[in-house]
Amino acid sequence: MAKSRKLINPFKPTAGMTPPVIIGREAVIDDFIDGMDEGPGAPGRLMRITGPRGSGKTVLLTQLGELASDRGWTVVNVSGREPLCASIQEQLAHDAHLRSLDIKVSLPIVSAEARLGGAAEELSFREVLSRATRSLTKHDSGLLITVDEVQDASHEEMAAIATSVQYMIREQQDIGLLFAGITTGVLDLLNGEGITFLRRAKAEELASIPTDEVAHALRKTIEESGLRIDDDALSYAASQSHGYAYLIQLVGYYVWREGRRHSSDSVDITLADARRGVDVALNEFGSSVLETAISGLTKPAIDYLMAMTQDEGASSTSEIARRMGMPAPNANTYRRILIERQIIESTAPGFVAFSIPFMRDYLLQHRMDILARYGE
């Protein structure tokens, strides 16, 4: 008797984990591939990727890095939450490809021997990057640097990286720089001193993914795993994801798990399975995303959000101020804070809306518990 196929959940609702199918980001991937093909100075080699939390920025950076690696490039991945220049230098110093080219570069603290000129010497960050890039370019390769969570990065370090990359581009060397972060944080960075060069980066804003694309990806992933999904179940699951990258994986994970429960009798995921799976997914989304988003907010900021819950759509900022019982300029202070945290967004002059799916429902459902934290 043939051994039955083991069913393994294909969905990966873990931050930064690459899902089996990346959807709705084909245009960004195509821009990057064009940049790789078109050579030094191509727009796709200098790119800023922005979007709210959970929109798939880290996953996309990983995918683009893998594309570069497949072409033989050296890829250095860093986060704005670590010392950027030191981390880049350390990764280059231990890179197997550079070692195979007989190139040694300085570690951030302990200088290693640089055998380009024969004598040991202390190398600056710019010289480390230059030597590595020139050598890789000479051997038909290149260097790609990706910076995630760039809104948390030191402006001085980003300026140093930008300057070094700019010089390499001017020399027609094969180098690329991709940086990703929350939209408002990236814009704040670009307004800093010494960052002028990065303002030229190709802007890629990760918007919500169309429902039909979500449905296509869910069906494809589910069927390749060994299950099937009914049309009404698929439509419901896709619509409940709201095109939000992390929620797509979360919904897919729990809907698939409901289908597996009865796979010995039927491999078809029903609407009832989808409803149960979505309920579990939304509960987890509430605790892992929505609660995290509002944690640490001041009471007036929470009051601003609660005032917004009275509207099913966009809220008038002047009406919110009236509901809060404070002058509009005072209320606008909390509006700016909430926009910076990517909890709300401006939809038109004088109007705001929630930028994270289900935030309004979560605030209404947990209103008493949330206000109790502030003694109410």
Protein backbone atom coordinates (compact mmCIF):
# COMPACT_ATOMS: atom_id res chain seq x y z
CA MET A 1 0.00 0.00 0.00
CA ALA A 2 1.37 3.43 -0.95
CA LYS A 3 2.21 5.69 1.94
CA SER A 4 -0.18 8.67 2.17
CA ARG A 5 1.27 12.12 1.61
CA LYS A 6 2.01 14.04 4.79
CA LEU A 7 0.18 17.36 4.83
CA ILE A 8 2.37 20.26 5.93
CA ASN A 9 0.98 23.76 6.41
CA PRO A 10 2.52 25.90 3.65
CA PHE A 11 1.66 29.28 5.16
CA LYS A 12 4.28 31.13 7.21
CA PRO A 13 2.74 33.82 9.48
CA THR A 14 6.06 34.68 11.09
CA ALA A 15 7.64 38.14 10.83
CA GLY A 16 10.29 38.18 8.10
CA MET A 17 9.66 34.56 7.04
CA THR A 18 9.47 34.20 3.27
CA PRO A 19 6.03 32.82 2.30
CA PRO A 20 5.68 30.14 -0.40
CA VAL A 21 4.14 32.64 -2.82
CA ILE A 22 4.92 36.37 -2.83
CA ILE A 23 1.95 38.19 -4.30
CA GLY A 24 1.22 41.71 -5.36
CA ARG A 25 4.90 42.73 -5.45
CA GLU A 26 5.74 41.71 -9.01
CA ALA A 27 6.28 45.30 -10.14
CA VAL A 28 8.93 45.90 -7.46
CA ILE A 29 10.68 42.63 -8.32
CA ASP A 30 10.62 43.53 -12.02
CA ASP A 31 12.10 46.98 -11.28
CA PHE A 32 14.93 45.34 -9.37
CA ILE A 33 15.62 42.73 -12.05
CA ASP A 34 15.72 45.51 -14.67
CA GLY A 35 18.19 47.36 -12.45
CA MET A 36 20.43 44.31 -12.26
CA ASP A 37 20.28 43.89 -16.04
CA GLU A 38 20.82 47.55 -16.91
CA GLY A 39 24.10 47.95 -15.04
CA PRO A 40 25.67 50.58 -12.76
CA GLY A 41 23.48 53.60 -12.05
CA ALA A 42 20.20 51.89 -13.05
CA PRO A 43 17.21 53.11 -10.98
CA GLY A 44 16.35 49.62 -9.71
CA ARG A 45 19.70 49.37 -7.92
CA LEU A 46 18.88 52.24 -5.57
CA MET A 47 15.45 51.67 -4.06
CA ARG A 48 13.43 52.66 -1.03
CA ILE A 49 10.61 50.33 0.02
CA THR A 50 7.98 51.78 2.32
CA GLY A 51 4.73 50.67 3.89
CA PRO A 52 3.01 50.05 7.23
CA ARG A 53 3.98 47.27 9.63
CA GLY A 54 3.04 43.87 8.28
CA SER A 55 3.00 44.97 4.63
CA GLY A 56 5.81 42.58 3.68
CA LYS A 57 8.84 44.88 3.51
CA THR A 58 11.26 42.44 5.15
CA VAL A 59 10.04 39.53 3.04
CA LEU A 60 10.51 41.58 -0.11
CA LEU A 61 14.04 42.61 0.88
CA THR A 62 14.86 38.94 1.43
CA GLN A 63 13.46 38.00 -1.97
CA LEU A 64 15.43 40.72 -3.77
CA GLY A 65 18.59 39.71 -1.92
CA GLU A 66 18.12 36.12 -3.06
CA LEU A 67 17.74 37.27 -6.66
CA ALA A 68 21.05 39.13 -6.41
CA SER A 69 22.73 36.17 -4.72
CA ASP A 70 21.53 33.86 -7.50
CA ARG A 71 23.45 36.09 -9.91
CA GLY A 72 26.63 35.66 -7.92
CA TRP A 73 26.50 38.97 -6.05
CA THR A 74 27.62 39.38 -2.46
CA VAL A 75 24.61 40.42 -0.37
CA VAL A 76 24.94 42.18 3.00
CA ASN A 77 21.77 42.46 5.09
CA VAL A 78 21.62 44.85 8.04
CA SER A 79 18.97 46.43 10.24
CA GLY A 80 18.61 50.03 11.38
CA ARG A 81 18.55 48.70 14.94
CA GLU A 82 22.24 47.71 14.82
CA PRO A 83 25.48 49.64 14.17
CA LEU A 84 25.24 49.74 10.38
CA CYS A 85 28.79 50.47 9.22
CA ALA A 86 30.34 48.05 11.72
CA SER A 87 27.97 45.28 10.71
CA ILE A 88 28.61 45.82 6.99
CA GLN A 89 32.38 45.79 7.53
CA GLU A 90 32.21 42.63 9.62
CA GLN A 91 30.12 40.77 7.05
CA LEU A 92 32.43 41.81 4.24
CA ALA A 93 35.48 40.76 6.26
CA HIS A 94 34.06 37.24 6.60
CA ASP A 95 32.52 36.94 3.14
CA ALA A 96 33.65 33.72 1.44
CA HIS A 97 33.41 35.24 -2.05
CA LEU A 98 35.74 38.10 -1.19
CA ARG A 99 38.13 35.70 0.49
CA SER A 100 38.21 33.60 -2.68
CA LEU A 101 39.31 36.76 -4.52
CA ASP A 102 42.16 37.12 -2.01
CA ILE A 103 40.68 40.35 -0.62
CA LYS A 104 40.79 41.08 3.09
CA VAL A 105 39.11 44.09 4.64
CA SER A 106 39.16 45.65 8.08
CA LEU A 107 36.94 44.46 10.85
CA PRO A 108 35.17 47.32 12.64
CA ILE A 109 37.38 47.07 15.74
CA VAL A 110 40.38 44.87 14.98
CA SER A 111 42.09 45.69 11.71
CA ALA A 112 42.85 42.77 9.43
CA GLU A 113 45.53 42.69 6.75
CA ALA A 114 44.57 44.29 3.44
CA ARG A 115 46.59 42.48 0.81
CA LEU A 116 45.87 44.79 -2.09
CA GLY A 117 49.00 46.80 -1.42
CA GLY A 118 50.88 44.17 0.54
CA ALA A 119 51.11 46.03 3.86
CA ALA A 120 48.72 45.88 6.77
CA GLU A 121 46.70 49.05 7.14
CA GLU A 122 43.66 50.47 8.89
CA LEU A 123 40.82 50.96 6.44
CA SER A 124 37.98 53.46 6.71
CA PHE A 125 34.43 52.31 6.05
CA ARG A 126 34.45 54.02 2.68
CA GLU A 127 37.71 52.32 1.68
CA VAL A 128 36.40 48.92 2.83
CA LEU A 129 33.29 49.33 0.71
CA SER A 130 35.27 50.66 -2.26
CA ARG A 131 37.81 47.85 -2.29
CA ALA A 132 35.18 45.18 -1.95
CA THR A 133 32.97 46.67 -4.67
CA ARG A 134 35.80 47.26 -7.14
CA SER A 135 37.07 43.72 -6.70
CA LEU A 136 33.62 42.18 -7.12
CA THR A 137 32.89 44.30 -10.20
CA LYS A 138 36.23 43.30 -11.74
CA HIS A 139 35.21 39.66 -11.37
CA ASP A 140 31.76 40.13 -12.97
CA SER A 141 29.97 40.24 -9.63
CA GLY A 142 28.66 43.02 -7.41
CA LEU A 143 27.67 44.12 -3.92
CA LEU A 144 24.11 44.58 -2.69
CA ILE A 145 23.40 46.19 0.69
CA THR A 146 19.90 45.92 2.17
CA VAL A 147 18.89 47.98 5.21
CA ASP A 148 15.69 46.98 7.00
CA GLU A 149 13.89 49.10 9.64
CA VAL A 150 15.73 52.11 8.28
CA GLN A 151 13.54 54.49 10.29
CA ASP A 152 15.53 53.34 13.35
CA ALA A 153 18.93 53.91 11.74
CA SER A 154 21.46 56.56 12.69
CA HIS A 155 21.26 59.44 10.21
CA GLU A 156 25.04 59.80 10.38
CA GLU A 157 25.61 56.16 9.46
CA MET A 158 23.08 56.26 6.64
CA ALA A 159 24.83 59.39 5.34
CA ALA A 160 28.17 57.53 5.42
CA ILE A 161 26.68 54.58 3.52
CA ALA A 162 24.97 56.86 1.00
CA THR A 163 28.17 58.79 0.31
CA SER A 164 30.20 55.61 -0.19
CA VAL A 165 27.61 54.06 -2.49
CA GLN A 166 27.34 57.29 -4.48
CA TYR A 167 31.08 57.29 -5.17
CA MET A 168 30.93 53.68 -6.34
CA ILE A 169 28.07 54.48 -8.72
CA ARG A 170 30.05 57.43 -10.09
CA GLU A 171 32.89 54.98 -10.78
CA GLN A 172 30.47 52.70 -12.66
CA GLN A 173 30.95 49.92 -10.11
CA ASP A 174 28.36 47.18 -9.58
CA ILE A 175 26.68 48.14 -6.31
CA GLY A 176 23.10 48.33 -5.11
CA LEU A 177 21.41 49.76 -2.02
CA LEU A 178 17.88 48.84 -0.95
CA PHE A 179 16.40 50.30 2.23
CA ALA A 180 13.00 49.67 3.76
CA GLY A 181 10.96 51.10 6.59
CA ILE A 182 7.75 52.68 7.79
CA THR A 183 6.72 55.42 5.37
CA THR A 184 6.83 58.41 7.71
CA GLY A 185 10.13 57.26 9.23
CA VAL A 186 11.76 56.94 5.82
CA LEU A 187 10.57 60.39 4.82
CA ASP A 188 11.99 61.83 8.04
CA LEU A 189 15.32 60.17 7.25
CA LEU A 190 15.39 61.59 3.74
CA ASN A 191 14.92 65.08 5.13
CA GLY A 192 18.09 64.74 7.22
CA GLU A 193 21.43 66.34 6.46
CA GLY A 194 23.83 64.50 4.18
CA ILE A 195 21.09 62.20 2.83
CA THR A 196 20.40 64.11 -0.40
CA PHE A 197 21.62 61.22 -2.56
CA LEU A 198 19.07 58.81 -1.07
CA ARG A 199 16.21 61.08 -2.10
CA ARG A 200 16.88 59.91 -5.65
CA ALA A 201 16.12 56.31 -4.71
CA LYS A 202 13.29 54.70 -6.63
CA ALA A 203 10.21 54.81 -4.41
CA GLU A 204 8.26 51.59 -3.94
CA GLU A 205 5.23 51.94 -1.66
CA LEU A 206 3.67 48.62 -0.64
CA ALA A 207 -0.06 49.14 -0.92
CA SER A 208 -2.71 46.57 -0.03
CA ILE A 209 -2.89 43.59 -2.40
CA PRO A 210 -6.02 43.27 -4.61
CA THR A 211 -8.48 40.62 -3.41
CA ASP A 212 -8.42 38.68 -6.68
CA GLU A 213 -4.64 38.33 -6.45
CA VAL A 214 -4.95 37.18 -2.84
CA ALA A 215 -7.56 34.59 -3.84
CA HIS A 216 -5.39 33.28 -6.68
CA ALA A 217 -2.37 32.92 -4.38
CA LEU A 218 -4.39 31.24 -1.60
CA ARG A 219 -5.86 28.68 -3.99
CA LYS A 220 -2.50 27.95 -5.60
CA THR A 221 -0.74 27.50 -2.26
CA ILE A 222 -3.53 25.35 -0.78
CA GLU A 223 -3.81 23.07 -3.81
CA GLU A 224 -0.06 22.56 -4.05
CA SER A 225 -0.08 21.45 -0.40
CA GLY A 226 -2.57 18.64 -1.07
CA LEU A 227 -5.86 20.26 -0.02
CA ARG A 228 -8.58 22.01 -2.01
CA ILE A 229 -10.79 24.99 -1.15
CA ASP A 230 -14.41 25.69 -2.12
CA ASP A 231 -15.09 28.89 -4.05
CA ASP A 232 -17.19 30.48 -1.30
CA ALA A 233 -14.57 29.61 1.32
CA LEU A 234 -11.84 31.10 -0.87
CA SER A 235 -13.79 34.29 -1.45
CA TYR A 236 -14.42 34.72 2.29
CA ALA A 237 -10.82 34.04 3.30
CA ALA A 238 -9.41 36.40 0.67
CA SER A 239 -11.77 39.23 1.60
CA GLN A 240 -11.00 38.93 5.31
CA SER A 241 -7.27 39.42 4.66
CA HIS A 242 -7.92 42.99 3.42
CA GLY A 243 -4.87 42.61 1.16
CA TYR A 244 -2.58 42.96 4.20
CA ALA A 245 0.50 40.77 3.65
CA TYR A 246 0.87 39.45 7.20
CA LEU A 247 -2.87 38.85 7.58
CA ILE A 248 -2.92 36.89 4.30
CA GLN A 249 -0.41 34.43 5.79
CA LEU A 250 -2.25 34.33 9.13
CA VAL A 251 -5.65 33.68 7.53
CA GLY A 252 -4.17 31.11 5.17
CA TYR A 253 -2.43 29.32 8.05
CA TYR A 254 -5.52 28.87 10.21
CA VAL A 255 -7.98 28.22 7.38
CA TRP A 256 -5.64 25.52 6.04
CA ARG A 257 -5.34 24.02 9.52
CA GLU A 258 -9.13 23.74 9.81
CA GLY A 259 -9.18 21.88 6.50
CA ARG A 260 -6.47 19.46 7.60
CA ARG A 261 -8.55 18.40 10.61
CA HIS A 262 -10.91 16.42 8.36
CA SER A 263 -8.47 15.62 5.53
CA SER A 264 -8.78 11.87 6.10
CA ASP A 265 -12.45 12.17 5.08
CA SER A 266 -12.32 15.18 2.73
CA VAL A 267 -9.53 17.44 1.48
CA ASP A 268 -11.99 20.23 0.62
CA ILE A 269 -11.87 23.35 2.79
CA THR A 270 -15.46 24.52 3.30
CA LEU A 271 -16.94 27.90 4.14
CA ALA A 272 -17.42 26.69 7.72
CA ASP A 273 -13.70 25.83 7.87
CA ALA A 274 -12.85 29.28 6.50
CA ARG A 275 -15.03 31.05 9.06
CA ARG A 276 -13.48 29.15 11.96
CA GLY A 277 -9.97 29.71 10.65
CA VAL A 278 -10.54 33.43 10.08
CA ASP A 279 -11.91 33.86 13.62
CA VAL A 280 -8.73 32.34 15.10
CA ALA A 281 -6.55 34.38 12.74
CA LEU A 282 -8.23 37.64 13.68
CA ASN A 283 -7.89 36.91 17.40
CA GLU A 284 -4.16 36.35 16.94
CA PHE A 285 -3.90 39.41 14.71
CA GLY A 286 -5.46 41.44 17.51
CA SER A 287 -2.92 40.35 20.10
CA SER A 288 0.18 40.29 17.90
CA VAL A 289 -0.41 43.36 15.70
CA LEU A 290 -3.22 45.59 16.94
CA GLU A 291 -2.38 45.44 20.65
CA THR A 292 1.32 45.94 19.88
CA ALA A 293 0.51 48.99 17.75
CA ILE A 294 -1.32 50.82 20.56
CA SER A 295 0.92 49.74 23.44
CA GLY A 296 2.72 52.61 25.11
CA LEU A 297 0.40 55.31 23.76
CA THR A 298 -0.54 58.18 26.07
CA LYS A 299 -4.13 58.56 27.25
CA PRO A 300 -4.87 61.50 24.87
CA ALA A 301 -3.60 59.44 21.92
CA ILE A 302 -5.93 56.61 22.93
CA ASP A 303 -8.76 59.13 23.29
CA TYR A 304 -8.07 60.28 19.73
CA LEU A 305 -8.40 56.71 18.48
CA MET A 306 -11.57 56.12 20.49
CA ALA A 307 -13.07 59.29 19.03
CA MET A 308 -12.36 57.92 15.55
CA THR A 309 -14.27 54.69 16.27
CA GLN A 310 -17.55 56.64 16.12
CA ASP A 311 -17.12 56.82 12.35
CA GLU A 312 -17.34 53.80 10.04
CA GLY A 313 -15.19 55.51 7.43
CA ALA A 314 -12.80 58.46 7.45
CA SER A 315 -13.02 60.86 10.39
CA SER A 316 -13.00 64.65 10.31
CA THR A 317 -10.09 65.97 12.37
CA SER A 318 -12.13 68.96 13.53
CA GLU A 319 -14.92 66.63 14.67
CA ILE A 320 -12.44 64.46 16.55
CA ALA A 321 -11.16 67.53 18.40
CA ARG A 322 -14.74 68.45 19.31
CA ARG A 323 -15.40 64.93 20.64
CA MET A 324 -12.20 65.10 22.69
CA GLY A 325 -13.17 68.50 24.07
CA MET A 326 -9.92 70.22 23.10
CA PRO A 327 -8.77 72.84 20.56
CA ALA A 328 -7.94 71.46 17.11
CA PRO A 329 -4.20 72.38 17.34
CA ASN A 330 -3.92 70.34 20.56
CA ALA A 331 -5.68 67.34 19.02
CA ASN A 332 -3.43 67.58 15.97
CA THR A 333 -0.45 66.85 18.22
CA TYR A 334 -1.86 63.36 18.81
CA ARG A 335 -2.86 63.01 15.17
CA ARG A 336 0.79 63.46 14.18
CA ILE A 337 1.96 60.90 16.75
CA LEU A 338 -0.55 58.33 15.51
CA ILE A 339 0.40 58.93 11.88
CA GLU A 340 4.08 58.52 12.74
CA ARG A 341 3.27 55.18 14.39
CA GLN A 342 1.39 54.14 11.24
CA ILE A 343 -1.82 53.52 13.21
CA ILE A 344 -3.79 56.09 11.24
CA GLU A 345 -3.24 57.86 7.93
CA SER A 346 -4.38 61.05 6.27
CA THR A 347 -6.96 60.35 3.54
CA ALA A 348 -7.63 63.97 2.52
CA PRO A 349 -7.01 67.42 4.00
CA GLY A 350 -8.75 67.41 7.39
CA PHE A 351 -9.59 63.68 7.37
CA VAL A 352 -7.92 60.57 8.80
CA ALA A 353 -8.64 56.83 8.84
CA PHE A 354 -7.21 53.73 10.48
CA SER A 355 -4.29 52.34 8.48
CA ILE A 356 -4.32 48.84 9.99
CA PRO A 357 -7.21 46.47 9.16
CA PHE A 358 -9.66 45.75 12.00
CA MET A 359 -8.22 48.40 14.32
CA ARG A 360 -11.62 50.07 14.74
CA ASP A 361 -13.28 46.73 15.58
CA TYR A 362 -10.51 45.90 18.06
CA LEU A 363 -10.83 49.24 19.87
CA LEU A 364 -14.61 48.94 20.09
CA GLN A 365 -14.44 45.35 21.33
CA HIS A 366 -11.77 46.03 23.96
CA ARG A 367 -12.69 49.62 24.82
CA MET A 368 -13.35 49.05 28.54
CA ASP A 369 -10.20 47.00 29.08
CA ILE A 370 -8.03 49.53 27.24
CA LEU A 371 -9.41 52.54 29.14
CA ALA A 372 -9.04 50.64 32.44
CA ARG A 373 -5.27 50.75 31.94
CA TYR A 374 -5.50 54.51 32.37
CA GLY A 375 -7.68 54.37 35.47
CA GLU A 376 -11.03 54.74 33.75
